[in-house]
Protein backbone atom coordinates (compact mmCIF):
# COMPACT_ATOMS: atom_id res chain seq x y z
CA UNK A 1 -0.02 37.91 9.98
CA UNK A 2 2.87 35.68 8.92
CA UNK A 3 5.40 34.16 11.33
CA UNK A 4 9.00 34.45 10.15
CA UNK A 5 12.02 32.73 11.67
CA UNK A 6 15.38 34.49 11.81
CA UNK A 7 18.67 32.65 12.19
CA UNK A 8 22.27 32.84 11.00
CA UNK A 9 24.06 30.26 8.84
CA UNK A 10 27.79 30.78 8.28
CA UNK A 11 27.36 34.45 9.11
CA UNK A 12 24.51 34.86 6.65
CA UNK A 13 21.16 35.96 8.08
CA UNK A 14 18.29 33.83 6.81
CA UNK A 15 14.61 34.72 7.09
CA UNK A 16 12.19 31.81 6.74
CA UNK A 17 8.44 32.25 6.48
CA UNK A 18 6.68 29.32 8.16
CA UNK A 19 3.00 30.26 7.85
CA UNK A 20 0.26 32.50 9.05
CA UNK A 21 -1.33 32.90 12.46
CA UNK A 22 -3.41 31.04 13.69
CA UNK A 23 -2.35 28.14 11.42
CA UNK A 24 1.13 28.33 12.98
CA UNK A 25 1.28 28.70 16.75
CA UNK A 26 4.19 30.13 18.72
CA UNK A 27 5.02 26.68 20.05
CA UNK A 28 5.19 25.31 16.51
CA UNK A 29 7.44 28.20 15.43
CA UNK A 30 9.74 27.75 18.45
CA UNK A 31 10.01 24.01 17.74
CA UNK A 32 10.95 24.67 14.11
CA UNK A 33 13.50 27.32 15.12
CA UNK A 34 15.07 24.86 17.56
CA UNK A 35 15.28 22.31 14.77
CA UNK A 36 16.96 24.81 12.43
CA UNK A 37 19.52 25.72 15.10
CA UNK A 38 20.27 22.04 15.66
CA UNK A 39 20.76 21.54 11.91
CA UNK A 40 23.13 24.51 11.85
CA UNK A 41 25.19 23.05 14.72
CA UNK A 42 25.42 19.72 12.92
CA UNK A 43 26.45 21.40 9.67
CA UNK A 44 23.32 20.24 7.92
CA UNK A 45 22.41 23.63 6.48
CA UNK A 46 24.48 25.24 3.80
CA UNK A 47 23.35 28.60 2.48
CA UNK A 48 25.57 28.30 -0.54
CA UNK A 49 24.21 25.02 -1.92
CA UNK A 50 22.60 25.54 -5.28
CA UNK A 51 21.89 21.89 -6.10
CA UNK A 52 18.77 21.51 -3.94
CA UNK A 53 15.87 20.90 -6.35
CA UNK A 54 12.32 22.08 -5.91
CA UNK A 55 9.61 19.53 -5.31
CA UNK A 56 8.43 19.98 -8.89
CA UNK A 57 11.94 19.34 -10.24
CA UNK A 58 12.55 16.25 -8.11
CA UNK A 59 9.10 14.69 -8.42
CA UNK A 60 9.71 13.39 -11.95
CA UNK A 61 12.94 11.76 -10.79
CA UNK A 62 11.07 10.19 -7.89
CA UNK A 63 8.33 8.79 -10.14
CA UNK A 64 10.95 7.39 -12.54
CA UNK A 65 12.70 5.76 -9.59
CA UNK A 66 9.45 4.15 -8.41
CA UNK A 67 8.62 2.93 -11.93
CA UNK A 68 12.01 1.86 -13.31
CA UNK A 69 14.24 1.09 -10.32
CA UNK A 70 11.83 -0.05 -7.63
CA UNK A 71 9.43 -1.38 -10.29
CA UNK A 72 6.61 -0.51 -7.94
CA UNK A 73 3.24 -1.29 -9.48
CA UNK A 74 1.70 1.67 -7.65
CA UNK A 75 3.97 4.24 -9.31
CA UNK A 76 1.01 5.81 -11.11
CA UNK A 77 -0.63 6.51 -7.77
CA UNK A 78 2.61 8.11 -6.57
CA UNK A 79 2.60 10.23 -9.72
CA UNK A 80 -0.97 11.34 -9.06
CA UNK A 81 -0.12 12.24 -5.46
CA UNK A 82 2.88 14.26 -6.62
CA UNK A 83 0.70 16.30 -8.98
CA UNK A 84 -1.36 17.34 -5.97
CA UNK A 85 1.70 18.29 -3.91
CA UNK A 86 3.24 20.20 -6.82
CA UNK A 87 0.23 22.50 -6.86
CA UNK A 88 0.91 23.33 -3.20
CA UNK A 89 4.67 22.96 -2.65
CA UNK A 90 5.98 22.73 -6.22
CA UNK A 91 8.09 25.90 -6.16
CA UNK A 92 9.61 25.14 -2.76
CA UNK A 93 13.02 23.56 -2.50
CA UNK A 94 12.95 20.22 -0.73
CA UNK A 95 14.73 21.77 2.25
CA UNK A 96 12.04 24.43 2.49
CA UNK A 97 9.12 22.05 3.05
CA UNK A 98 8.57 22.28 6.79
CA UNK A 99 6.71 20.29 9.42
CA UNK A 100 4.32 23.22 9.64
CA UNK A 101 3.62 22.86 5.91
CA UNK A 102 2.75 19.20 6.41
CA UNK A 103 0.61 19.93 9.47
CA UNK A 104 -1.32 22.56 7.54
CA UNK A 105 -1.81 20.20 4.62
CA UNK A 106 -3.22 17.52 6.91
CA UNK A 107 -5.58 19.93 8.63
CA UNK A 108 -7.02 21.27 5.36
CA UNK A 109 -7.04 18.05 3.36
CA UNK A 110 -8.81 15.96 6.00
CA UNK A 111 -11.83 18.24 5.60
CA UNK A 112 -12.13 16.97 2.02
CA UNK A 113 -11.20 13.28 2.21
CA UNK A 114 -10.80 10.49 4.75
CA UNK A 115 -7.75 10.28 7.00
CA UNK A 116 -6.67 7.07 5.25
CA UNK A 117 -6.54 8.95 1.93
CA UNK A 118 -4.42 11.72 3.46
CA UNK A 119 -2.08 9.08 4.87
CA UNK A 120 -1.63 7.50 1.45
CA UNK A 121 -0.85 10.87 -0.10
CA UNK A 122 1.66 11.78 2.59
CA UNK A 123 3.26 8.34 2.41
CA UNK A 124 4.16 9.08 -1.21
CA UNK A 125 5.71 12.42 -0.23
CA UNK A 126 7.59 10.71 2.59
CA UNK A 127 9.06 8.23 0.10
CA UNK A 128 10.14 11.13 -2.12
CA UNK A 129 11.91 12.88 0.76
CA UNK A 130 13.59 9.62 1.82
CA UNK A 131 14.93 9.21 -1.71
CA UNK A 132 16.22 12.79 -1.66
CA UNK A 133 17.90 12.08 1.68
CA UNK A 134 19.67 9.04 0.24
CA UNK A 135 20.93 11.21 -2.60
CA UNK A 136 22.32 13.77 -0.12
CA UNK A 137 19.82 16.43 -1.12
CA UNK A 138 18.36 16.48 2.38
CA UNK A 139 19.75 16.09 5.87
CA UNK A 140 18.13 15.19 9.15
CA UNK A 141 14.56 14.09 9.79
CA UNK A 142 11.98 13.61 7.09
CA UNK A 143 9.41 16.36 7.65
CA UNK A 144 6.51 14.02 6.88
CA UNK A 145 7.83 11.55 9.45
CA UNK A 146 8.22 14.35 11.96
CA UNK A 147 4.69 15.57 11.41
CA UNK A 148 3.39 12.01 11.41
CA UNK A 149 0.41 10.38 9.76
CA UNK A 150 -3.06 10.15 11.19
CA UNK A 151 -3.40 7.30 13.62
CA UNK A 152 -5.36 4.63 11.85
CA UNK A 153 -8.39 3.14 13.48
CA UNK A 154 -8.44 -0.54 14.32
CA UNK A 155 -7.41 -2.53 11.27
CA UNK A 156 -10.32 -2.78 8.86
CA UNK A 157 -11.24 -6.42 8.44
CA UNK A 158 -14.26 -7.28 6.30
CA UNK A 159 -14.79 -10.99 5.80
CA UNK A 160 -17.30 -12.51 3.41
CA UNK A 161 -19.83 -14.89 4.95
CA UNK A 162 -20.71 -18.11 3.14
CA UNK A 163 -24.19 -16.79 2.45
CA UNK A 164 -22.76 -13.55 1.03
CA UNK A 165 -20.34 -15.56 -1.10
CA UNK A 166 -23.23 -17.42 -2.74
CA UNK A 167 -25.05 -14.16 -3.47
CA UNK A 168 -21.91 -12.56 -4.88
CA UNK A 169 -21.12 -15.45 -7.21
CA UNK A 170 -24.74 -15.63 -8.40
CA UNK A 171 -24.63 -11.90 -9.17
CA UNK A 172 -21.30 -11.98 -11.03
CA UNK A 173 -20.64 -12.18 -14.76
CA UNK A 174 -19.25 -15.47 -16.16
CA UNK A 175 -15.75 -14.00 -16.52
CA UNK A 176 -15.73 -12.60 -12.98
CA UNK A 177 -16.84 -15.78 -11.16
CA UNK A 178 -13.58 -17.77 -11.61
CA UNK A 179 -11.50 -14.74 -10.59
CA UNK A 180 -13.46 -14.37 -7.35
CA UNK A 181 -13.13 -18.10 -6.68
CA UNK A 182 -9.39 -17.90 -7.37
CA UNK A 183 -9.01 -15.17 -4.75
CA UNK A 184 -10.99 -17.13 -2.18
CA UNK A 185 -9.11 -20.38 -2.86
CA UNK A 186 -5.60 -18.90 -2.79
CA UNK A 187 -5.63 -15.52 -1.04
CA UNK A 188 -3.82 -14.07 -4.07
CA UNK A 189 -3.86 -10.33 -4.73
CA UNK A 190 -5.86 -9.08 -7.70
CA UNK A 191 -2.72 -8.01 -9.58
CA UNK A 192 -1.21 -11.49 -9.06
CA UNK A 193 -4.35 -13.17 -10.40
CA UNK A 194 -4.57 -10.96 -13.48
CA UNK A 195 -0.89 -11.51 -14.39
CA UNK A 196 -0.89 -15.26 -13.73
CA UNK A 197 0.43 -17.22 -16.72
CA UNK A 198 -0.12 -20.87 -17.56
CA UNK A 199 3.64 -21.31 -17.25
CA UNK A 200 3.20 -20.39 -13.57
CA UNK A 201 0.75 -23.25 -13.06
CA UNK A 202 2.07 -26.79 -12.71
CA UNK A 203 -0.81 -29.26 -12.66
CA UNK A 204 1.59 -32.19 -12.33
CA UNK A 205 3.12 -31.02 -9.05
CA UNK A 206 -0.04 -29.11 -8.09
CA UNK A 207 1.80 -25.85 -7.44
CA UNK A 208 1.28 -22.26 -8.51
CA UNK A 209 4.38 -20.06 -8.64
CA UNK A 210 3.94 -16.37 -7.95
CA UNK A 211 6.84 -14.77 -9.81
CA UNK A 212 8.97 -12.22 -7.97
CA UNK A 213 8.24 -9.54 -10.56
CA UNK A 214 4.48 -9.67 -9.90
CA UNK A 215 4.72 -10.12 -6.15
CA UNK A 216 4.33 -7.11 -3.86
CA UNK A 217 7.26 -8.33 -1.73
CA UNK A 218 9.39 -8.86 -4.88
CA UNK A 219 9.94 -12.45 -3.73
CA UNK A 220 8.58 -15.52 -5.44
CA UNK A 221 6.39 -17.95 -3.56
CA UNK A 222 4.45 -21.14 -4.21
CA UNK A 223 0.83 -21.93 -3.48
CA UNK A 224 -0.40 -25.55 -3.40
CA UNK A 225 -3.32 -26.40 -5.68
CA UNK A 226 -6.28 -27.96 -3.88
CA UNK A 227 -8.72 -30.33 -5.57
CA UNK A 228 -11.31 -27.58 -5.95
CA UNK A 229 -8.74 -25.15 -7.34
CA UNK A 230 -7.43 -27.78 -9.75
CA UNK A 231 -10.94 -28.21 -11.18
CA UNK A 232 -11.27 -24.43 -11.61
CA UNK A 233 -7.91 -24.22 -13.40
CA UNK A 234 -8.74 -27.09 -15.74
CA UNK A 235 -11.99 -25.36 -16.69
CA UNK A 236 -10.05 -22.15 -17.37
CA UNK A 237 -7.55 -24.10 -19.46
CA UNK A 238 -10.35 -25.45 -21.64
CA UNK A 239 -11.79 -21.95 -22.14
CA UNK A 240 -8.50 -20.06 -22.55
CA UNK A 241 -6.26 -22.65 -24.19
CA UNK A 242 -5.17 -20.13 -26.83
CA UNK A 243 -4.03 -17.55 -24.28
CA UNK A 244 -0.88 -17.53 -22.20
CA UNK A 245 -2.85 -15.93 -19.35
CA UNK A 246 -5.01 -17.95 -17.00
CA UNK A 247 -7.66 -15.22 -16.89
CA UNK A 248 -8.72 -13.05 -19.80
CA UNK A 249 -11.52 -10.59 -20.49
CA UNK A 250 -14.76 -11.48 -22.28
CA UNK A 251 -12.96 -10.33 -25.46
CA UNK A 252 -10.23 -12.92 -24.91
CA UNK A 253 -7.45 -10.42 -24.15
CA UNK A 254 -5.37 -10.20 -20.93
CA UNK A 255 -6.39 -7.78 -18.21
CA UNK A 256 -4.19 -4.80 -17.47
CA UNK A 257 -2.75 -5.32 -13.94
CA UNK A 258 -1.82 -1.64 -13.67
CA UNK A 259 -5.33 -0.53 -14.56
CA UNK A 260 -7.86 -3.18 -13.52
CA UNK A 261 -10.67 -0.63 -13.51
CA UNK A 262 -12.94 -2.64 -15.84
CA UNK A 263 -12.78 -5.68 -13.59
CA UNK A 264 -13.28 -3.59 -10.46
CA UNK A 265 -16.35 -2.00 -12.02
CA UNK A 266 -17.73 -5.47 -12.76
CA UNK A 267 -17.02 -6.48 -9.17
CA UNK A 268 -18.74 -3.36 -7.81
CA UNK A 269 -21.77 -4.05 -9.99
CA UNK A 270 -21.96 -7.65 -8.73
CA UNK A 271 -21.52 -6.58 -5.10
CA UNK A 272 -24.33 -4.03 -5.36
CA UNK A 273 -26.60 -6.51 -7.12
CA UNK A 274 -25.90 -9.00 -4.32
CA UNK A 275 -26.67 -6.26 -1.77
CA UNK A 276 -23.32 -6.68 0.01
CA UNK A 277 -22.19 -3.53 1.82
CA UNK A 278 -18.67 -2.29 2.59
CA UNK A 279 -16.75 -4.94 0.66
CA UNK A 280 -13.79 -4.56 -1.71
CA UNK A 281 -12.11 -7.09 -3.96
CA UNK A 282 -9.09 -7.09 -1.64
CA UNK A 283 -11.38 -8.29 1.16
CA UNK A 284 -11.54 -11.63 -0.65
CA UNK A 285 -7.89 -12.02 0.37
CA UNK A 286 -8.82 -11.18 3.97
CA UNK A 287 -11.60 -13.75 3.75
CA UNK A 288 -9.25 -16.48 2.53
CA UNK A 289 -6.72 -15.69 5.26
CA UNK A 290 -9.36 -15.66 8.00
CA UNK A 291 -10.82 -18.97 6.83
CA UNK A 292 -7.40 -20.60 6.91
CA UNK A 293 -6.59 -19.19 10.35
CA UNK A 294 -9.93 -20.10 11.91
CA UNK A 295 -9.81 -23.67 10.62
CA UNK A 296 -6.47 -24.79 11.97
CA UNK A 297 -3.84 -23.64 9.46
CA UNK A 298 -0.55 -22.66 11.09
CA UNK A 299 0.49 -19.03 11.12
CA UNK A 300 3.67 -19.92 9.18
CA UNK A 301 1.66 -21.66 6.44
CA UNK A 302 -0.72 -18.70 6.09
CA UNK A 303 2.21 -16.29 6.00
CA UNK A 304 3.89 -18.24 3.18
CA UNK A 305 0.70 -18.62 1.14
CA UNK A 306 -0.16 -14.93 1.40
CA UNK A 307 3.43 -13.81 0.82
CA UNK A 308 3.66 -11.54 3.84
CA UNK A 309 7.14 -10.14 4.45
CA UNK A 310 6.47 -9.72 8.18
CA UNK A 311 4.70 -12.33 10.29
CA UNK A 312 3.11 -9.51 12.31
CA UNK A 313 0.93 -8.81 9.26
CA UNK A 314 -0.31 -12.41 9.35
CA UNK A 315 -0.96 -12.32 13.09
CA UNK A 316 -4.02 -10.09 12.67
CA UNK A 317 -5.92 -13.12 11.35
CA UNK A 318 -5.16 -15.21 14.42
CA UNK A 319 -6.93 -14.90 17.76
CA UNK A 320 -4.71 -16.36 20.49
CA UNK A 321 -7.38 -17.10 23.11
CA UNK A 322 -8.26 -20.67 22.13
CA UNK A 323 -4.71 -21.55 21.10
CA UNK A 324 -3.39 -20.42 24.50
CA UNK A 325 -5.83 -22.72 26.26
CA UNK A 326 -4.85 -25.62 24.02
CA UNK A 327 -1.17 -24.87 24.66
CA UNK A 328 -1.42 -25.20 28.45
CA UNK A 329 -3.60 -28.31 28.08
CA UNK A 330 -0.77 -29.89 26.09
CA UNK A 331 1.60 -29.14 28.95
CA UNK A 332 -0.84 -30.66 31.43
CA UNK A 333 -0.64 -33.96 29.57
CA UNK A 334 2.99 -34.33 30.63
CA UNK A 335 2.09 -34.39 34.36
């Protein structure tokens, strides 16, 4: 049995199907009806608008926006997520995608994949609806935001031990070893490493510049070159002196930052050979950050090196217990 809402907009009776029992409860239906009535009072629903696109129609515009305007490197993932949603909501107008629809999607999808995967998919849809809102194609709350994402468990933090590092490097191919070392010595993201050019590396001032166009935050930053890192870069320069890229494949061609699958496969092979469980390439960045934090680097320095936009992201690597004790001991010295 299907639950249908009935309400009037500008004297026109509208019937809206919101789902079947028991997927939609009476409380859910009443909440949605209350929302519709509020939208009507605020003039946010217009029965005569014909310019509201369907999800299928607007998805291509959204993907183009992510790729060309936002220049988001993950636009292909957004495109893949949209293909999934088009199969389910494609024929619905954007204003017809309800909180109940999102709730039902979450309930069914989480039986197939992890909650984190569902959250990533819904985050893409939320971005699409936000864009539509900015373009006056939607009014009021974003239905994905209203439904909410799954509450994530405590932040996953996998850090490589020194013993694991030795095993990983010994198990890696010659072209993978310097890339792993680069991540551990700088905390750089994989995409930043693969797109690093020799023009970004200044061995006279000992600084690496992460260009804004390859940075996740879209802001440039500089990373100092340590003695160990300098040696690694000089070795790469001798091997890749003909290439403009610091790191190239075994064939001598640049890696594709938008599709680093070959390198990730090589990393997975090395990790399995080294018998290291539950470890991703991105965890090398976590490892670098944790090592800096646990060995006296300031939170501001770590934030700048990693390129975090919000210092709260950096704070997860710092454990305040010892620093609090040191802080009050400093105060005691003044008495």
